[in-house]
Amino acid sequence: RQVVILEEVGGVRRLPIWIGPAEATGIALSLERVALPRPGPYQLALSLLGASGGRVVEARITRLVGDTYYGEVVVEGARGREAVDARPSDAINLALVAAVPVRVEASLLREQRATDVWSAYPESAAEIVQEVVANVQAHQRPQFP
């Protein structure tokens, strides 16, 4: 299982959110600015939005219900600004690709403690990216002329 950790800018509060492996890989690739040979799903979504005259303004993590976090992506287009319901990992991935802020409802953030879940995770996404690159290289198909 993977976790994404959102840190308060200029503060010490954090929010760990468990996410799936595909979403974690997307976030790691975006954080490490890895150029993919073809558009990934989040780049495609951003390109489709742009082709229709819209843009992503920000991503938000809005609430926690039980063990599930909820998010939204704020888009601006012909109808003005609208918040679109999204899984937090998808909202974060879109925000990274669009280079827009990720905002978290303040009540969801908590003070960092050394025993919390994030103390066991790397400081950067480089390890995930190295694993993905090694896996891709190991499974590359031969190129035919």
N, C-alpha and C. Protein backbone atom coordinates (compact mmCIF):
# COMPACT_ATOMS: atom_id res chain seq x y z
N ARG A 1 0.83 -1.19 0.00
CA ARG A 1 0.00 0.00 0.00
C ARG A 1 0.87 1.24 0.00
N GLN A 2 0.38 2.26 -0.65
CA GLN A 2 1.12 3.52 -0.74
C GLN A 2 0.35 4.60 0.02
N VAL A 3 1.10 5.59 0.43
CA VAL A 3 0.51 6.73 1.11
C VAL A 3 1.09 8.00 0.50
N VAL A 4 0.23 9.00 0.29
CA VAL A 4 0.70 10.32 -0.11
C VAL A 4 0.58 11.19 1.13
N ILE A 5 1.59 12.00 1.36
CA ILE A 5 1.61 12.85 2.55
C ILE A 5 1.60 14.31 2.10
N LEU A 6 0.55 14.99 2.46
CA LEU A 6 0.44 16.41 2.13
C LEU A 6 0.93 17.19 3.34
N GLU A 7 1.86 18.11 3.10
CA GLU A 7 2.43 18.93 4.16
C GLU A 7 1.94 20.36 4.07
N GLU A 8 1.69 20.92 5.20
CA GLU A 8 1.31 22.32 5.29
C GLU A 8 2.48 23.20 4.86
N VAL A 9 2.24 24.15 3.98
CA VAL A 9 3.29 25.08 3.56
C VAL A 9 3.57 26.02 4.72
N GLY A 10 4.83 26.06 5.14
CA GLY A 10 5.22 26.94 6.22
C GLY A 10 4.75 26.50 7.60
N GLY A 11 4.35 25.24 7.73
CA GLY A 11 3.88 24.74 9.01
C GLY A 11 4.36 23.33 9.26
N VAL A 12 3.83 22.70 10.29
CA VAL A 12 4.27 21.35 10.65
C VAL A 12 3.15 20.31 10.53
N ARG A 13 1.98 20.73 10.13
CA ARG A 13 0.87 19.77 10.04
C ARG A 13 0.95 19.00 8.74
N ARG A 14 0.48 17.75 8.80
CA ARG A 14 0.50 16.87 7.63
C ARG A 14 -0.79 16.08 7.55
N LEU A 15 -1.03 15.55 6.35
CA LEU A 15 -2.18 14.68 6.12
C LEU A 15 -1.74 13.48 5.31
N PRO A 16 -1.68 12.28 5.92
CA PRO A 16 -1.38 11.08 5.14
C PRO A 16 -2.67 10.50 4.57
N ILE A 17 -2.65 10.13 3.29
CA ILE A 17 -3.81 9.53 2.64
C ILE A 17 -3.35 8.26 1.93
N TRP A 18 -3.95 7.13 2.26
CA TRP A 18 -3.63 5.88 1.58
C TRP A 18 -4.20 5.92 0.17
N ILE A 19 -3.38 5.52 -0.81
CA ILE A 19 -3.81 5.55 -2.21
C ILE A 19 -3.39 4.25 -2.89
N GLY A 20 -3.92 4.03 -4.08
CA GLY A 20 -3.59 2.83 -4.85
C GLY A 20 -2.23 2.95 -5.53
N PRO A 21 -1.70 1.80 -5.98
CA PRO A 21 -0.37 1.81 -6.60
C PRO A 21 -0.30 2.60 -7.91
N ALA A 22 -1.33 2.55 -8.72
CA ALA A 22 -1.31 3.30 -9.99
C ALA A 22 -1.30 4.81 -9.72
N GLU A 23 -2.10 5.24 -8.76
CA GLU A 23 -2.15 6.66 -8.43
C GLU A 23 -0.83 7.11 -7.80
N ALA A 24 -0.25 6.25 -6.96
CA ALA A 24 1.05 6.58 -6.35
C ALA A 24 2.13 6.72 -7.41
N THR A 25 2.10 5.83 -8.39
CA THR A 25 3.08 5.90 -9.47
C THR A 25 2.92 7.20 -10.25
N GLY A 26 1.69 7.57 -10.55
CA GLY A 26 1.43 8.83 -11.25
C GLY A 26 1.95 10.03 -10.49
N ILE A 27 1.70 10.05 -9.19
CA ILE A 27 2.17 11.16 -8.35
C ILE A 27 3.70 11.18 -8.32
N ALA A 28 4.31 10.02 -8.15
CA ALA A 28 5.78 9.95 -8.11
C ALA A 28 6.38 10.44 -9.43
N LEU A 29 5.82 10.01 -10.54
CA LEU A 29 6.33 10.44 -11.85
C LEU A 29 6.20 11.96 -12.01
N SER A 30 5.08 12.51 -11.56
CA SER A 30 4.89 13.97 -11.66
C SER A 30 5.85 14.72 -10.74
N LEU A 31 6.01 14.23 -9.51
CA LEU A 31 6.91 14.90 -8.57
C LEU A 31 8.35 14.91 -9.06
N GLU A 32 8.75 13.81 -9.71
CA GLU A 32 10.12 13.71 -10.22
C GLU A 32 10.26 14.26 -11.64
N ARG A 33 9.16 14.79 -12.17
CA ARG A 33 9.14 15.40 -13.51
C ARG A 33 9.67 14.46 -14.59
N VAL A 34 9.20 13.22 -14.54
CA VAL A 34 9.57 12.22 -15.54
C VAL A 34 8.72 12.44 -16.78
N ALA A 35 9.36 12.60 -17.92
CA ALA A 35 8.64 12.79 -19.18
C ALA A 35 8.26 11.42 -19.74
N LEU A 36 6.99 11.21 -19.92
CA LEU A 36 6.51 9.95 -20.50
C LEU A 36 6.50 10.06 -22.03
N PRO A 37 6.71 8.95 -22.72
CA PRO A 37 6.70 9.01 -24.18
C PRO A 37 5.31 9.29 -24.75
N ARG A 38 4.28 8.95 -24.01
CA ARG A 38 2.90 9.21 -24.43
C ARG A 38 2.16 9.83 -23.25
N PRO A 39 1.07 10.54 -23.51
CA PRO A 39 0.34 11.16 -22.39
C PRO A 39 -0.24 10.10 -21.46
N GLY A 40 -0.11 10.35 -20.16
CA GLY A 40 -0.76 9.51 -19.16
C GLY A 40 -2.20 9.98 -18.99
N PRO A 41 -2.98 9.30 -18.16
CA PRO A 41 -4.40 9.65 -18.02
C PRO A 41 -4.63 11.06 -17.49
N TYR A 42 -3.77 11.54 -16.62
CA TYR A 42 -3.98 12.88 -16.07
C TYR A 42 -3.60 13.96 -17.07
N GLN A 43 -2.56 13.71 -17.85
CA GLN A 43 -2.20 14.64 -18.92
C GLN A 43 -3.31 14.67 -19.98
N LEU A 44 -3.87 13.51 -20.28
CA LEU A 44 -4.98 13.44 -21.23
C LEU A 44 -6.17 14.25 -20.72
N ALA A 45 -6.53 14.07 -19.45
CA ALA A 45 -7.65 14.81 -18.88
C ALA A 45 -7.40 16.31 -18.95
N LEU A 46 -6.19 16.72 -18.63
CA LEU A 46 -5.83 18.13 -18.68
C LEU A 46 -5.89 18.66 -20.12
N SER A 47 -5.41 17.87 -21.07
CA SER A 47 -5.44 18.27 -22.48
C SER A 47 -6.88 18.38 -23.00
N LEU A 48 -7.73 17.44 -22.60
CA LEU A 48 -9.14 17.50 -23.01
C LEU A 48 -9.81 18.75 -22.46
N LEU A 49 -9.54 19.05 -21.20
CA LEU A 49 -10.10 20.25 -20.58
C LEU A 49 -9.61 21.50 -21.32
N GLY A 50 -8.31 21.54 -21.60
CA GLY A 50 -7.75 22.68 -22.32
C GLY A 50 -8.32 22.82 -23.72
N ALA A 51 -8.54 21.70 -24.42
CA ALA A 51 -9.09 21.74 -25.77
C ALA A 51 -10.51 22.30 -25.78
N SER A 52 -11.21 22.17 -24.65
CA SER A 52 -12.56 22.71 -24.58
C SER A 52 -12.59 24.11 -23.99
N GLY A 53 -11.41 24.69 -23.78
CA GLY A 53 -11.33 26.07 -23.29
C GLY A 53 -11.32 26.19 -21.78
N GLY A 54 -11.18 25.07 -21.09
CA GLY A 54 -11.16 25.11 -19.63
C GLY A 54 -9.77 24.95 -19.07
N ARG A 55 -9.68 25.08 -17.75
CA ARG A 55 -8.41 24.88 -17.08
C ARG A 55 -8.67 24.45 -15.64
N VAL A 56 -7.69 23.75 -15.07
CA VAL A 56 -7.74 23.37 -13.66
C VAL A 56 -7.22 24.55 -12.85
N VAL A 57 -7.95 24.93 -11.81
CA VAL A 57 -7.57 26.05 -10.96
C VAL A 57 -6.87 25.56 -9.69
N GLU A 58 -7.42 24.52 -9.06
CA GLU A 58 -6.84 23.96 -7.86
C GLU A 58 -7.48 22.63 -7.54
N ALA A 59 -6.83 21.89 -6.65
CA ALA A 59 -7.38 20.65 -6.12
C ALA A 59 -7.64 20.87 -4.63
N ARG A 60 -8.66 20.21 -4.11
CA ARG A 60 -9.01 20.36 -2.70
C ARG A 60 -9.26 19.00 -2.07
N ILE A 61 -8.77 18.84 -0.86
CA ILE A 61 -9.14 17.70 -0.04
C ILE A 61 -10.12 18.29 0.97
N THR A 62 -11.37 17.86 0.91
CA THR A 62 -12.44 18.60 1.57
C THR A 62 -12.97 18.00 2.86
N ARG A 63 -12.99 16.65 2.95
CA ARG A 63 -13.60 16.08 4.15
C ARG A 63 -13.18 14.63 4.32
N LEU A 64 -13.46 14.11 5.49
CA LEU A 64 -13.21 12.72 5.83
C LEU A 64 -14.53 12.14 6.34
N VAL A 65 -14.97 11.04 5.70
CA VAL A 65 -16.18 10.35 6.13
C VAL A 65 -15.78 8.91 6.42
N GLY A 66 -15.84 8.52 7.69
CA GLY A 66 -15.33 7.21 8.07
C GLY A 66 -13.83 7.18 7.83
N ASP A 67 -13.39 6.25 6.99
CA ASP A 67 -11.96 6.17 6.64
C ASP A 67 -11.68 6.71 5.24
N THR A 68 -12.65 7.37 4.63
CA THR A 68 -12.53 7.81 3.24
C THR A 68 -12.42 9.32 3.14
N TYR A 69 -11.33 9.77 2.50
CA TYR A 69 -11.17 11.20 2.21
C TYR A 69 -11.88 11.53 0.91
N TYR A 70 -12.39 12.75 0.84
CA TYR A 70 -13.05 13.23 -0.37
C TYR A 70 -12.32 14.45 -0.89
N GLY A 71 -12.33 14.59 -2.19
CA GLY A 71 -11.67 15.73 -2.81
C GLY A 71 -12.49 16.29 -3.94
N GLU A 72 -11.96 17.32 -4.51
CA GLU A 72 -12.58 17.93 -5.69
C GLU A 72 -11.52 18.67 -6.48
N VAL A 73 -11.80 18.85 -7.74
CA VAL A 73 -10.95 19.62 -8.63
C VAL A 73 -11.75 20.84 -9.05
N VAL A 74 -11.20 22.00 -8.85
CA VAL A 74 -11.86 23.23 -9.26
C VAL A 74 -11.41 23.55 -10.68
N VAL A 75 -12.38 23.65 -11.57
CA VAL A 75 -12.10 23.96 -12.97
C VAL A 75 -12.77 25.27 -13.34
N GLU A 76 -12.18 25.92 -14.32
CA GLU A 76 -12.73 27.17 -14.84
C GLU A 76 -12.96 26.99 -16.32
N GLY A 77 -14.15 27.32 -16.77
CA GLY A 77 -14.47 27.16 -18.18
C GLY A 77 -15.57 28.11 -18.60
N ALA A 78 -16.27 27.74 -19.65
CA ALA A 78 -17.31 28.58 -20.22
C ALA A 78 -18.42 28.89 -19.22
N ARG A 79 -18.68 27.99 -18.28
CA ARG A 79 -19.74 28.20 -17.28
C ARG A 79 -19.21 28.80 -15.99
N GLY A 80 -17.97 29.26 -16.00
CA GLY A 80 -17.37 29.83 -14.80
C GLY A 80 -16.60 28.78 -14.02
N ARG A 81 -16.47 29.00 -12.73
CA ARG A 81 -15.75 28.05 -11.86
C ARG A 81 -16.71 27.03 -11.29
N GLU A 82 -16.26 25.78 -11.30
CA GLU A 82 -17.06 24.71 -10.71
C GLU A 82 -16.14 23.73 -10.01
N ALA A 83 -16.62 23.17 -8.91
CA ALA A 83 -15.89 22.13 -8.19
C ALA A 83 -16.44 20.78 -8.64
N VAL A 84 -15.54 19.90 -9.07
CA VAL A 84 -15.90 18.58 -9.57
C VAL A 84 -15.44 17.54 -8.55
N ASP A 85 -16.35 16.66 -8.14
CA ASP A 85 -16.03 15.61 -7.17
C ASP A 85 -14.91 14.73 -7.71
N ALA A 86 -13.94 14.37 -6.86
CA ALA A 86 -12.80 13.55 -7.28
C ALA A 86 -12.23 12.80 -6.09
N ARG A 87 -11.61 11.66 -6.38
CA ARG A 87 -10.83 10.99 -5.35
C ARG A 87 -9.63 11.89 -5.06
N PRO A 88 -9.18 11.96 -3.81
CA PRO A 88 -8.02 12.82 -3.50
C PRO A 88 -6.80 12.52 -4.37
N SER A 89 -6.51 11.24 -4.62
CA SER A 89 -5.33 10.91 -5.42
C SER A 89 -5.46 11.43 -6.85
N ASP A 90 -6.65 11.38 -7.42
CA ASP A 90 -6.85 11.91 -8.77
C ASP A 90 -6.75 13.43 -8.77
N ALA A 91 -7.31 14.06 -7.75
CA ALA A 91 -7.22 15.52 -7.66
C ALA A 91 -5.76 15.97 -7.52
N ILE A 92 -5.00 15.26 -6.70
CA ILE A 92 -3.59 15.59 -6.51
C ILE A 92 -2.81 15.39 -7.81
N ASN A 93 -3.05 14.27 -8.48
CA ASN A 93 -2.37 14.01 -9.75
C ASN A 93 -2.67 15.10 -10.78
N LEU A 94 -3.92 15.48 -10.90
CA LEU A 94 -4.28 16.54 -11.85
C LEU A 94 -3.62 17.86 -11.46
N ALA A 95 -3.60 18.17 -10.18
CA ALA A 95 -2.97 19.41 -9.73
C ALA A 95 -1.48 19.42 -10.04
N LEU A 96 -0.82 18.28 -9.87
CA LEU A 96 0.61 18.21 -10.18
C LEU A 96 0.86 18.42 -11.67
N VAL A 97 0.07 17.77 -12.50
CA VAL A 97 0.24 17.91 -13.96
C VAL A 97 -0.08 19.34 -14.41
N ALA A 98 -1.09 19.94 -13.78
CA ALA A 98 -1.48 21.31 -14.15
C ALA A 98 -0.66 22.38 -13.44
N ALA A 99 0.18 21.97 -12.48
CA ALA A 99 1.00 22.90 -11.70
C ALA A 99 0.13 23.94 -10.98
N VAL A 100 -0.90 23.44 -10.29
CA VAL A 100 -1.79 24.30 -9.50
C VAL A 100 -1.76 23.83 -8.04
N PRO A 101 -2.23 24.65 -7.13
CA PRO A 101 -2.17 24.30 -5.70
C PRO A 101 -3.09 23.14 -5.31
N VAL A 102 -2.67 22.44 -4.27
CA VAL A 102 -3.51 21.46 -3.59
C VAL A 102 -3.83 22.06 -2.23
N ARG A 103 -5.10 22.21 -1.93
CA ARG A 103 -5.52 22.81 -0.67
C ARG A 103 -6.23 21.74 0.17
N VAL A 104 -6.02 21.80 1.48
CA VAL A 104 -6.61 20.83 2.40
C VAL A 104 -7.43 21.58 3.43
N GLU A 105 -8.64 21.10 3.69
CA GLU A 105 -9.47 21.65 4.76
C GLU A 105 -8.64 21.61 6.05
N ALA A 106 -8.48 22.74 6.70
CA ALA A 106 -7.59 22.86 7.85
C ALA A 106 -7.88 21.85 8.95
N SER A 107 -9.14 21.52 9.17
CA SER A 107 -9.49 20.59 10.25
C SER A 107 -8.97 19.17 9.99
N LEU A 108 -8.56 18.86 8.76
CA LEU A 108 -8.06 17.53 8.43
C LEU A 108 -6.58 17.37 8.75
N LEU A 109 -5.86 18.48 8.85
CA LEU A 109 -4.42 18.44 9.11
C LEU A 109 -4.17 18.20 10.59
N ARG A 110 -3.05 17.52 10.89
CA ARG A 110 -2.69 17.30 12.29
C ARG A 110 -1.19 17.47 12.47
N GLU A 111 -0.82 17.68 13.72
CA GLU A 111 0.59 17.88 14.05
C GLU A 111 1.38 16.62 13.76
N GLN A 112 2.61 16.79 13.31
CA GLN A 112 3.51 15.67 13.03
C GLN A 112 4.01 15.07 14.34
N ARG A 113 4.02 13.73 14.38
CA ARG A 113 4.61 13.01 15.50
C ARG A 113 5.56 11.99 14.93
N ALA A 114 6.66 11.74 15.59
CA ALA A 114 7.69 10.82 15.09
C ALA A 114 7.15 9.42 14.86
N THR A 115 6.13 9.01 15.57
CA THR A 115 5.61 7.66 15.43
C THR A 115 4.52 7.54 14.37
N ASP A 116 4.17 8.63 13.75
CA ASP A 116 3.13 8.59 12.73
C ASP A 116 3.57 7.83 11.49
N VAL A 117 2.62 7.49 10.65
CA VAL A 117 2.83 6.64 9.49
C VAL A 117 3.91 7.16 8.55
N TRP A 118 4.04 8.47 8.39
CA TRP A 118 4.97 8.99 7.39
C TRP A 118 6.43 8.83 7.77
N SER A 119 6.75 8.49 8.99
CA SER A 119 8.15 8.36 9.36
C SER A 119 8.83 7.18 8.66
N ALA A 120 8.04 6.25 8.12
CA ALA A 120 8.60 5.07 7.46
C ALA A 120 8.74 5.25 5.95
N TYR A 121 8.39 6.40 5.41
CA TYR A 121 8.38 6.58 3.97
C TYR A 121 9.48 7.52 3.50
N PRO A 122 9.94 7.35 2.25
CA PRO A 122 11.03 8.18 1.75
C PRO A 122 10.64 9.65 1.64
N GLU A 123 11.63 10.51 1.66
CA GLU A 123 11.38 11.94 1.56
C GLU A 123 10.99 12.38 0.15
N SER A 124 11.32 11.56 -0.84
CA SER A 124 10.96 11.94 -2.21
C SER A 124 10.37 10.75 -2.93
N ALA A 125 9.90 10.99 -4.10
CA ALA A 125 9.29 9.94 -4.91
C ALA A 125 10.32 9.22 -5.77
N ALA A 126 11.59 9.56 -5.61
CA ALA A 126 12.63 8.99 -6.47
C ALA A 126 12.69 7.47 -6.42
N GLU A 127 12.48 6.90 -5.24
CA GLU A 127 12.53 5.44 -5.12
C GLU A 127 11.43 4.77 -5.93
N ILE A 128 10.24 5.32 -5.89
CA ILE A 128 9.13 4.77 -6.68
C ILE A 128 9.45 4.88 -8.16
N VAL A 129 9.96 6.02 -8.58
CA VAL A 129 10.29 6.23 -9.99
C VAL A 129 11.37 5.25 -10.44
N GLN A 130 12.40 5.05 -9.62
CA GLN A 130 13.45 4.09 -9.98
C GLN A 130 12.87 2.70 -10.17
N GLU A 131 11.96 2.31 -9.30
CA GLU A 131 11.32 1.00 -9.41
C GLU A 131 10.50 0.90 -10.69
N VAL A 132 9.74 1.95 -11.01
CA VAL A 132 8.93 1.96 -12.23
C VAL A 132 9.81 1.89 -13.46
N VAL A 133 10.88 2.68 -13.52
CA VAL A 133 11.78 2.68 -14.67
C VAL A 133 12.43 1.32 -14.84
N ALA A 134 12.89 0.73 -13.74
CA ALA A 134 13.51 -0.60 -13.81
C ALA A 134 12.52 -1.64 -14.31
N ASN A 135 11.29 -1.55 -13.86
CA ASN A 135 10.26 -2.49 -14.29
C ASN A 135 9.95 -2.33 -15.78
N VAL A 136 9.86 -1.08 -16.22
CA VAL A 136 9.60 -0.82 -17.64
C VAL A 136 10.75 -1.34 -18.50
N GLN A 137 11.97 -1.06 -18.08
CA GLN A 137 13.14 -1.51 -18.85
C GLN A 137 13.21 -3.03 -18.89
N ALA A 138 12.85 -3.70 -17.82
CA ALA A 138 12.90 -5.16 -17.78
C ALA A 138 11.85 -5.80 -18.67
N HIS A 139 10.77 -5.06 -18.94
CA HIS A 139 9.67 -5.63 -19.72
C HIS A 139 9.47 -4.96 -21.08
N GLN A 140 10.47 -4.22 -21.55
CA GLN A 140 10.35 -3.55 -22.84
C GLN A 140 10.30 -4.59 -23.96
N ARG A 141 9.46 -4.31 -24.89
CA ARG A 141 9.38 -5.17 -26.07
C ARG A 141 10.43 -4.76 -27.07
N PRO A 142 10.96 -5.69 -27.84
CA PRO A 142 11.96 -5.31 -28.85
C PRO A 142 11.36 -4.39 -29.89
N GLN A 143 12.17 -3.46 -30.36
CA GLN A 143 11.73 -2.54 -31.41
C GLN A 143 11.99 -3.16 -32.78
N PHE A 144 10.97 -3.21 -33.61
CA PHE A 144 11.10 -3.78 -34.94
C PHE A 144 11.26 -2.67 -35.95
N PRO A 145 12.09 -2.90 -36.98
CA PRO A 145 12.29 -1.85 -38.01
C PRO A 145 11.04 -1.60 -38.81
